[in-house]
């Protein structure tokens, strides 16, 4: 997962609150860091996304948002 895919998935799941969730939600599975802190310290975006999905009990349609087919650019 790329950082851009992480933020797109966050926006799909949390809308306007995406940056607040990343900045404020403390994730026990990431050594009690926020998603924002974990990313800044080099944690892979996929691991941060998975921790947020678990903590917020996101449904599968949101959890796998970054894996959806996208139209190809010409």
PDB file of N, CA and C in Angstrom:
ATOM      1  N   UNK A   1       0.847  -1.175   0.000  1.00  0.00           N
ATOM      2  CA  UNK A   1       0.000   0.000   0.000  1.00  0.00           C
ATOM      3  C   UNK A   1       0.889   1.233   0.000  1.00  0.00           C
ATOM      4  N   UNK A   2       0.582   2.159  -0.885  1.00  0.00           N
ATOM      5  CA  UNK A   2       1.314   3.419  -0.946  1.00  0.00           C
ATOM      6  C   UNK A   2       0.676   4.422   0.028  1.00  0.00           C
ATOM      7  N   UNK A   3       1.419   5.467   0.342  1.00  0.00           N
ATOM      8  CA  UNK A   3       0.875   6.508   1.217  1.00  0.00           C
ATOM      9  C   UNK A   3      -0.391   7.120   0.600  1.00  0.00           C
ATOM     10  N   UNK A   4      -0.382   7.325  -0.707  1.00  0.00           N
ATOM     11  CA  UNK A   4      -1.562   7.901  -1.367  1.00  0.00           C
ATOM     12  C   UNK A   4      -2.769   6.968  -1.250  1.00  0.00           C
ATOM     13  N   UNK A   5      -2.545   5.662  -1.343  1.00  0.00           N
ATOM     14  CA  UNK A   5      -3.629   4.701  -1.177  1.00  0.00           C
ATOM     15  C   UNK A   5      -4.140   4.701   0.261  1.00  0.00           C
ATOM     16  N   UNK A   6      -3.220   4.846   1.209  1.00  0.00           N
ATOM     17  CA  UNK A   6      -3.599   4.924   2.622  1.00  0.00           C
ATOM     18  C   UNK A   6      -4.552   6.094   2.841  1.00  0.00           C
ATOM     19  N   UNK A   7      -4.167   7.282   2.340  1.00  0.00           N
ATOM     20  CA  UNK A   7      -4.997   8.470   2.565  1.00  0.00           C
ATOM     21  C   UNK A   7      -6.318   8.382   1.808  1.00  0.00           C
ATOM     22  N   UNK A   8      -6.326   7.782   0.635  1.00  0.00           N
ATOM     23  CA  UNK A   8      -7.584   7.592  -0.094  1.00  0.00           C
ATOM     24  C   UNK A   8      -8.515   6.664   0.684  1.00  0.00           C
ATOM     25  N   UNK A   9      -7.961   5.592   1.240  1.00  0.00           N
ATOM     26  CA  UNK A   9      -8.764   4.665   2.044  1.00  0.00           C
ATOM     27  C   UNK A   9      -9.269   5.344   3.313  1.00  0.00           C
ATOM     28  N   UNK A  10      -8.424   6.154   3.942  1.00  0.00           N
ATOM     29  CA  UNK A  10      -8.839   6.891   5.142  1.00  0.00           C
ATOM     30  C   UNK A  10      -9.997   7.828   4.818  1.00  0.00           C
ATOM     31  N   UNK A  11      -9.906   8.535   3.698  1.00  0.00           N
ATOM     32  CA  UNK A  11     -10.978   9.452   3.320  1.00  0.00           C
ATOM     33  C   UNK A  11     -12.262   8.708   2.981  1.00  0.00           C
ATOM     34  N   UNK A  12     -12.139   7.548   2.348  1.00  0.00           N
ATOM     35  CA  UNK A  12     -13.324   6.751   2.040  1.00  0.00           C
ATOM     36  C   UNK A  12     -13.999   6.269   3.323  1.00  0.00           C
ATOM     37  N   UNK A  13     -13.205   5.912   4.312  1.00  0.00           N
ATOM     38  CA  UNK A  13     -13.743   5.373   5.562  1.00  0.00           C
ATOM     39  C   UNK A  13     -14.234   6.453   6.518  1.00  0.00           C
ATOM     40  N   UNK A  14     -13.516   7.570   6.586  1.00  0.00           N
ATOM     41  CA  UNK A  14     -13.800   8.565   7.622  1.00  0.00           C
ATOM     42  C   UNK A  14     -14.177   9.945   7.108  1.00  0.00           C
ATOM     43  N   UNK A  15     -14.145  10.135   5.794  1.00  0.00           N
ATOM     44  CA  UNK A  15     -14.525  11.418   5.223  1.00  0.00           C
ATOM     45  C   UNK A  15     -13.655  12.549   5.738  1.00  0.00           C
ATOM     46  N   UNK A  16     -14.289  13.644   6.103  1.00  0.00           N
ATOM     47  CA  UNK A  16     -13.573  14.833   6.566  1.00  0.00           C
ATOM     48  C   UNK A  16     -12.797  14.601   7.868  1.00  0.00           C
ATOM     49  N   UNK A  17     -13.099  13.528   8.562  1.00  0.00           N
ATOM     50  CA  UNK A  17     -12.415  13.231   9.825  1.00  0.00           C
ATOM     51  C   UNK A  17     -11.140  12.410   9.649  1.00  0.00           C
ATOM     52  N   UNK A  18     -10.769  12.079   8.422  1.00  0.00           N
ATOM     53  CA  UNK A  18      -9.630  11.188   8.162  1.00  0.00           C
ATOM     54  C   UNK A  18      -8.347  11.668   8.820  1.00  0.00           C
ATOM     55  N   UNK A  19      -8.010  12.929   8.651  1.00  0.00           N
ATOM     56  CA  UNK A  19      -6.762  13.423   9.254  1.00  0.00           C
ATOM     57  C   UNK A  19      -6.857  13.451  10.772  1.00  0.00           C
ATOM     58  N   UNK A  20      -8.045  13.741  11.309  1.00  0.00           N
ATOM     59  CA  UNK A  20      -8.221  13.729  12.767  1.00  0.00           C
ATOM     60  C   UNK A  20      -8.071  12.325  13.332  1.00  0.00           C
ATOM     61  N   UNK A  21      -8.633  11.340  12.649  1.00  0.00           N
ATOM     62  CA  UNK A  21      -8.507   9.949  13.105  1.00  0.00           C
ATOM     63  C   UNK A  21      -7.039   9.542  13.109  1.00  0.00           C
ATOM     64  N   UNK A  22      -6.328   9.864  12.048  1.00  0.00           N
ATOM     65  CA  UNK A  22      -4.907   9.515  11.959  1.00  0.00           C
ATOM     66  C   UNK A  22      -4.088  10.212  13.038  1.00  0.00           C
ATOM     67  N   UNK A  23      -4.482  11.426  13.395  1.00  0.00           N
ATOM     68  CA  UNK A  23      -3.724  12.208  14.378  1.00  0.00           C
ATOM     69  C   UNK A  23      -4.100  11.890  15.820  1.00  0.00           C
ATOM     70  N   UNK A  24      -5.331  11.435  16.048  1.00  0.00           N
ATOM     71  CA  UNK A  24      -5.828  11.311  17.420  1.00  0.00           C
ATOM     72  C   UNK A  24      -6.018   9.887  17.934  1.00  0.00           C
ATOM     73  N   UNK A  25      -6.268   8.940  17.042  1.00  0.00           N
ATOM     74  CA  UNK A  25      -6.551   7.565  17.469  1.00  0.00           C
ATOM     75  C   UNK A  25      -5.248   6.861  17.856  1.00  0.00           C
ATOM     76  N   UNK A  26      -5.115   6.524  19.132  1.00  0.00           N
ATOM     77  CA  UNK A  26      -3.929   5.813  19.621  1.00  0.00           C
ATOM     78  C   UNK A  26      -4.148   4.322  19.400  1.00  0.00           C
ATOM     79  N   UNK A  27      -3.172   3.695  18.761  1.00  0.00           N
ATOM     80  CA  UNK A  27      -3.291   2.296  18.349  1.00  0.00           C
ATOM     81  C   UNK A  27      -2.362   1.415  19.181  1.00  0.00           C
ATOM     82  N   UNK A  28      -2.942   0.597  20.030  1.00  0.00           N
ATOM     83  CA  UNK A  28      -2.158  -0.290  20.880  1.00  0.00           C
ATOM     84  C   UNK A  28      -1.271  -1.235  20.102  1.00  0.00           C
ATOM     85  N   UNK A  29      -1.749  -1.680  18.940  1.00  0.00           N
ATOM     86  CA  UNK A  29      -0.964  -2.620  18.136  1.00  0.00           C
ATOM     87  C   UNK A  29       0.238  -1.962  17.479  1.00  0.00           C
ATOM     88  N   UNK A  30       0.288  -0.633  17.529  1.00  0.00           N
ATOM     89  CA  UNK A  30       1.436   0.104  16.974  1.00  0.00           C
ATOM     90  C   UNK A  30       2.187   0.809  18.108  1.00  0.00           C
ATOM     91  N   UNK A  31       2.376   0.094  19.197  1.00  0.00           N
ATOM     92  CA  UNK A  31       3.125   0.620  20.344  1.00  0.00           C
ATOM     93  C   UNK A  31       2.524   1.907  20.892  1.00  0.00           C
ATOM     94  N   UNK A  32       1.203   1.961  20.909  1.00  0.00           N
ATOM     95  CA  UNK A  32       0.469   3.100  21.477  1.00  0.00           C
ATOM     96  C   UNK A  32       0.835   4.424  20.811  1.00  0.00           C
ATOM     97  N   UNK A  33       1.012   4.358  19.492  1.00  0.00           N
ATOM     98  CA  UNK A  33       1.240   5.557  18.682  1.00  0.00           C
ATOM     99  C   UNK A  33      -0.020   5.828  17.873  1.00  0.00           C
ATOM    100  N   UNK A  34      -0.152   7.049  17.428  1.00  0.00           N
ATOM    101  CA  UNK A  34      -1.226   7.348  16.485  1.00  0.00           C
ATOM    102  C   UNK A  34      -0.781   6.888  15.100  1.00  0.00           C
ATOM    103  N   UNK A  35      -1.724   6.812  14.187  1.00  0.00           N
ATOM    104  CA  UNK A  35      -1.372   6.471  12.812  1.00  0.00           C
ATOM    105  C   UNK A  35      -0.399   7.471  12.224  1.00  0.00           C
ATOM    106  N   UNK A  36      -0.632   8.725  12.509  1.00  0.00           N
ATOM    107  CA  UNK A  36       0.251   9.784  12.011  1.00  0.00           C
ATOM    108  C   UNK A  36       1.679   9.614  12.549  1.00  0.00           C
ATOM    109  N   UNK A  37       1.803   9.328  13.836  1.00  0.00           N
ATOM    110  CA  UNK A  37       3.131   9.119  14.433  1.00  0.00           C
ATOM    111  C   UNK A  37       3.806   7.895  13.832  1.00  0.00           C
ATOM    112  N   UNK A  38       3.054   6.818  13.693  1.00  0.00           N
ATOM    113  CA  UNK A  38       3.616   5.583  13.147  1.00  0.00           C
ATOM    114  C   UNK A  38       4.130   5.792  11.721  1.00  0.00           C
ATOM    115  N   UNK A  39       3.359   6.487  10.894  1.00  0.00           N
ATOM    116  CA  UNK A  39       3.804   6.770   9.533  1.00  0.00           C
ATOM    117  C   UNK A  39       5.060   7.626   9.533  1.00  0.00           C
ATOM    118  N   UNK A  40       5.074   8.647  10.379  1.00  0.00           N
ATOM    119  CA  UNK A  40       6.231   9.546  10.450  1.00  0.00           C
ATOM    120  C   UNK A  40       7.489   8.812  10.901  1.00  0.00           C
ATOM    121  N   UNK A  41       7.305   7.753  11.680  1.00  0.00           N
ATOM    122  CA  UNK A  41       8.439   6.976  12.173  1.00  0.00           C
ATOM    123  C   UNK A  41       8.777   5.799  11.268  1.00  0.00           C
ATOM    124  N   UNK A  42       8.192   5.767  10.062  1.00  0.00           N
ATOM    125  CA  UNK A  42       8.572   4.778   9.069  1.00  0.00           C
ATOM    126  C   UNK A  42       7.763   3.499   9.031  1.00  0.00           C
ATOM    127  N   UNK A  43       6.682   3.443   9.773  1.00  0.00           N
ATOM    128  CA  UNK A  43       5.829   2.241   9.739  1.00  0.00           C
ATOM    129  C   UNK A  43       5.179   2.165   8.354  1.00  0.00           C
ATOM    130  N   UNK A  44       5.105   0.993   7.760  1.00  0.00           N
ATOM    131  CA  UNK A  44       4.473   0.866   6.441  1.00  0.00           C
ATOM    132  C   UNK A  44       2.996   1.273   6.497  1.00  0.00           C
ATOM    133  N   UNK A  45       2.525   2.006   5.493  1.00  0.00           N
ATOM    134  CA  UNK A  45       1.124   2.433   5.483  1.00  0.00           C
ATOM    135  C   UNK A  45       0.136   1.276   5.620  1.00  0.00           C
ATOM    136  N   UNK A  46       0.462   0.138   5.028  1.00  0.00           N
ATOM    137  CA  UNK A  46      -0.453  -1.013   5.125  1.00  0.00           C
ATOM    138  C   UNK A  46      -0.619  -1.463   6.577  1.00  0.00           C
ATOM    139  N   UNK A  47       0.443  -1.484   7.322  1.00  0.00           N
ATOM    140  CA  UNK A  47       0.358  -1.906   8.730  1.00  0.00           C
ATOM    141  C   UNK A  47      -0.466  -0.902   9.540  1.00  0.00           C
ATOM    142  N   UNK A  48      -0.283   0.374   9.257  1.00  0.00           N
ATOM    143  CA  UNK A  48      -1.058   1.407   9.952  1.00  0.00           C
ATOM    144  C   UNK A  48      -2.536   1.274   9.587  1.00  0.00           C
ATOM    145  N   UNK A  49      -2.819   1.083   8.303  1.00  0.00           N
ATOM    146  CA  UNK A  49      -4.193   0.916   7.856  1.00  0.00           C
ATOM    147  C   UNK A  49      -4.844  -0.292   8.523  1.00  0.00           C
ATOM    148  N   UNK A  50      -4.133  -1.407   8.573  1.00  0.00           N
ATOM    149  CA  UNK A  50      -4.681  -2.609   9.204  1.00  0.00           C
ATOM    150  C   UNK A  50      -4.977  -2.377  10.681  1.00  0.00           C
ATOM    151  N   UNK A  51      -4.116  -1.654  11.369  1.00  0.00           N
ATOM    152  CA  UNK A  51      -4.335  -1.350  12.786  1.00  0.00           C
ATOM    153  C   UNK A  51      -5.568  -0.462  12.963  1.00  0.00           C
ATOM    154  N   UNK A  52      -5.735   0.513  12.086  1.00  0.00           N
ATOM    155  CA  UNK A  52      -6.913   1.382  12.163  1.00  0.00           C
ATOM    156  C   UNK A  52      -8.178   0.587  11.863  1.00  0.00           C
ATOM    157  N   UNK A  53      -8.121  -0.274  10.862  1.00  0.00           N
ATOM    158  CA  UNK A  53      -9.278  -1.114  10.529  1.00  0.00           C
ATOM    159  C   UNK A  53      -9.703  -1.965  11.715  1.00  0.00           C
ATOM    160  N   UNK A  54      -8.740  -2.567  12.383  1.00  0.00           N
ATOM    161  CA  UNK A  54      -9.038  -3.402  13.550  1.00  0.00           C
ATOM    162  C   UNK A  54      -9.618  -2.570  14.686  1.00  0.00           C
ATOM    163  N   UNK A  55      -8.984  -1.457  14.976  1.00  0.00           N
ATOM    164  CA  UNK A  55      -9.416  -0.620  16.099  1.00  0.00           C
ATOM    165  C   UNK A  55     -10.823  -0.069  15.882  1.00  0.00           C
ATOM    166  N   UNK A  56     -11.152   0.261  14.640  1.00  0.00           N
ATOM    167  CA  UNK A  56     -12.452   0.854  14.332  1.00  0.00           C
ATOM    168  C   UNK A  56     -13.464  -0.169  13.825  1.00  0.00           C
ATOM    169  N   UNK A  57     -13.057  -1.437  13.743  1.00  0.00           N
ATOM    170  CA  UNK A  57     -13.912  -2.533  13.280  1.00  0.00           C
ATOM    171  C   UNK A  57     -14.609  -2.176  11.958  1.00  0.00           C
ATOM    172  N   UNK A  58     -13.795  -1.754  10.993  1.00  0.00           N
ATOM    173  CA  UNK A  58     -14.337  -1.366   9.693  1.00  0.00           C
ATOM    174  C   UNK A  58     -14.828  -2.583   8.921  1.00  0.00           C
ATOM    175  N   UNK A  59     -15.930  -2.437   8.203  1.00  0.00           N
ATOM    176  CA  UNK A  59     -16.438  -3.543   7.378  1.00  0.00           C
ATOM    177  C   UNK A  59     -15.519  -3.786   6.183  1.00  0.00           C
ATOM    178  N   UNK A  60     -15.625  -4.960   5.603  1.00  0.00           N
ATOM    179  CA  UNK A  60     -14.752  -5.350   4.495  1.00  0.00           C
ATOM    180  C   UNK A  60     -14.780  -4.380   3.321  1.00  0.00           C
ATOM    181  N   UNK A  61     -15.944  -3.812   2.992  1.00  0.00           N
ATOM    182  CA  UNK A  61     -16.002  -2.920   1.833  1.00  0.00           C
ATOM    183  C   UNK A  61     -15.153  -1.674   2.025  1.00  0.00           C
ATOM    184  N   UNK A  62     -14.936  -1.251   3.259  1.00  0.00           N
ATOM    185  CA  UNK A  62     -14.027  -0.130   3.527  1.00  0.00           C
ATOM    186  C   UNK A  62     -12.600  -0.609   3.731  1.00  0.00           C
ATOM    187  N   UNK A  63     -12.463  -1.743   4.375  1.00  0.00           N
ATOM    188  CA  UNK A  63     -11.143  -2.280   4.685  1.00  0.00           C
ATOM    189  C   UNK A  63     -10.312  -2.517   3.425  1.00  0.00           C
ATOM    190  N   UNK A  64     -10.955  -2.935   2.360  1.00  0.00           N
ATOM    191  CA  UNK A  64     -10.232  -3.274   1.124  1.00  0.00           C
ATOM    192  C   UNK A  64     -10.391  -2.217   0.044  1.00  0.00           C
ATOM    193  N   UNK A  65     -10.735  -1.008   0.430  1.00  0.00           N
ATOM    194  CA  UNK A  65     -10.944   0.092  -0.515  1.00  0.00           C
ATOM    195  C   UNK A  65      -9.762   0.268  -1.462  1.00  0.00           C
ATOM    196  N   UNK A  66      -8.556   0.171  -0.962  1.00  0.00           N
ATOM    197  CA  UNK A  66      -7.355   0.408  -1.770  1.00  0.00           C
ATOM    198  C   UNK A  66      -7.095  -0.697  -2.796  1.00  0.00           C
ATOM    199  N   UNK A  67      -7.813  -1.810  -2.715  1.00  0.00           N
ATOM    200  CA  UNK A  67      -7.611  -2.925  -3.643  1.00  0.00           C
ATOM    201  C   UNK A  67      -8.619  -2.940  -4.785  1.00  0.00           C
ATOM    202  N   UNK A  68      -9.531  -1.990  -4.803  1.00  0.00           N
ATOM    203  CA  UNK A  68     -10.537  -1.955  -5.860  1.00  0.00           C
ATOM    204  C   UNK A  68      -9.902  -1.640  -7.207  1.00  0.00           C
ATOM    205  N   UNK A  69     -10.555  -2.150  -8.249  1.00  0.00           N
ATOM    206  CA  UNK A  69     -10.098  -1.847  -9.616  1.00  0.00           C
ATOM    207  C   UNK A  69     -10.319  -0.369  -9.885  1.00  0.00           C
ATOM    208  N   UNK A  70      -9.343   0.247 -10.501  1.00  0.00           N
ATOM    209  CA  UNK A  70      -9.447   1.650 -10.881  1.00  0.00           C
ATOM    210  C   UNK A  70      -9.374   1.750 -12.391  1.00  0.00           C
ATOM    211  N   UNK A  71     -10.100   2.696 -12.965  1.00  0.00           N
ATOM    212  CA  UNK A  71      -9.989   2.866 -14.419  1.00  0.00           C
ATOM    213  C   UNK A  71      -8.562   3.227 -14.808  1.00  0.00           C
ATOM    214  N   UNK A  72      -8.104   2.676 -15.904  1.00  0.00           N
ATOM    215  CA  UNK A  72      -6.757   2.968 -16.387  1.00  0.00           C
ATOM    216  C   UNK A  72      -6.732   4.337 -17.039  1.00  0.00           C
ATOM    217  N   UNK A  73      -5.613   5.043 -16.811  1.00  0.00           N
ATOM    218  CA  UNK A  73      -5.424   6.336 -17.460  1.00  0.00           C
ATOM    219  C   UNK A  73      -4.943   6.118 -18.880  1.00  0.00           C
ATOM    220  N   UNK A  74      -5.299   7.021 -19.746  1.00  0.00           N
ATOM    221  CA  UNK A  74      -4.858   6.906 -21.142  1.00  0.00           C
ATOM    222  C   UNK A  74      -3.731   7.837 -21.406  1.00  0.00           C
TER     223      UNK A  74
END
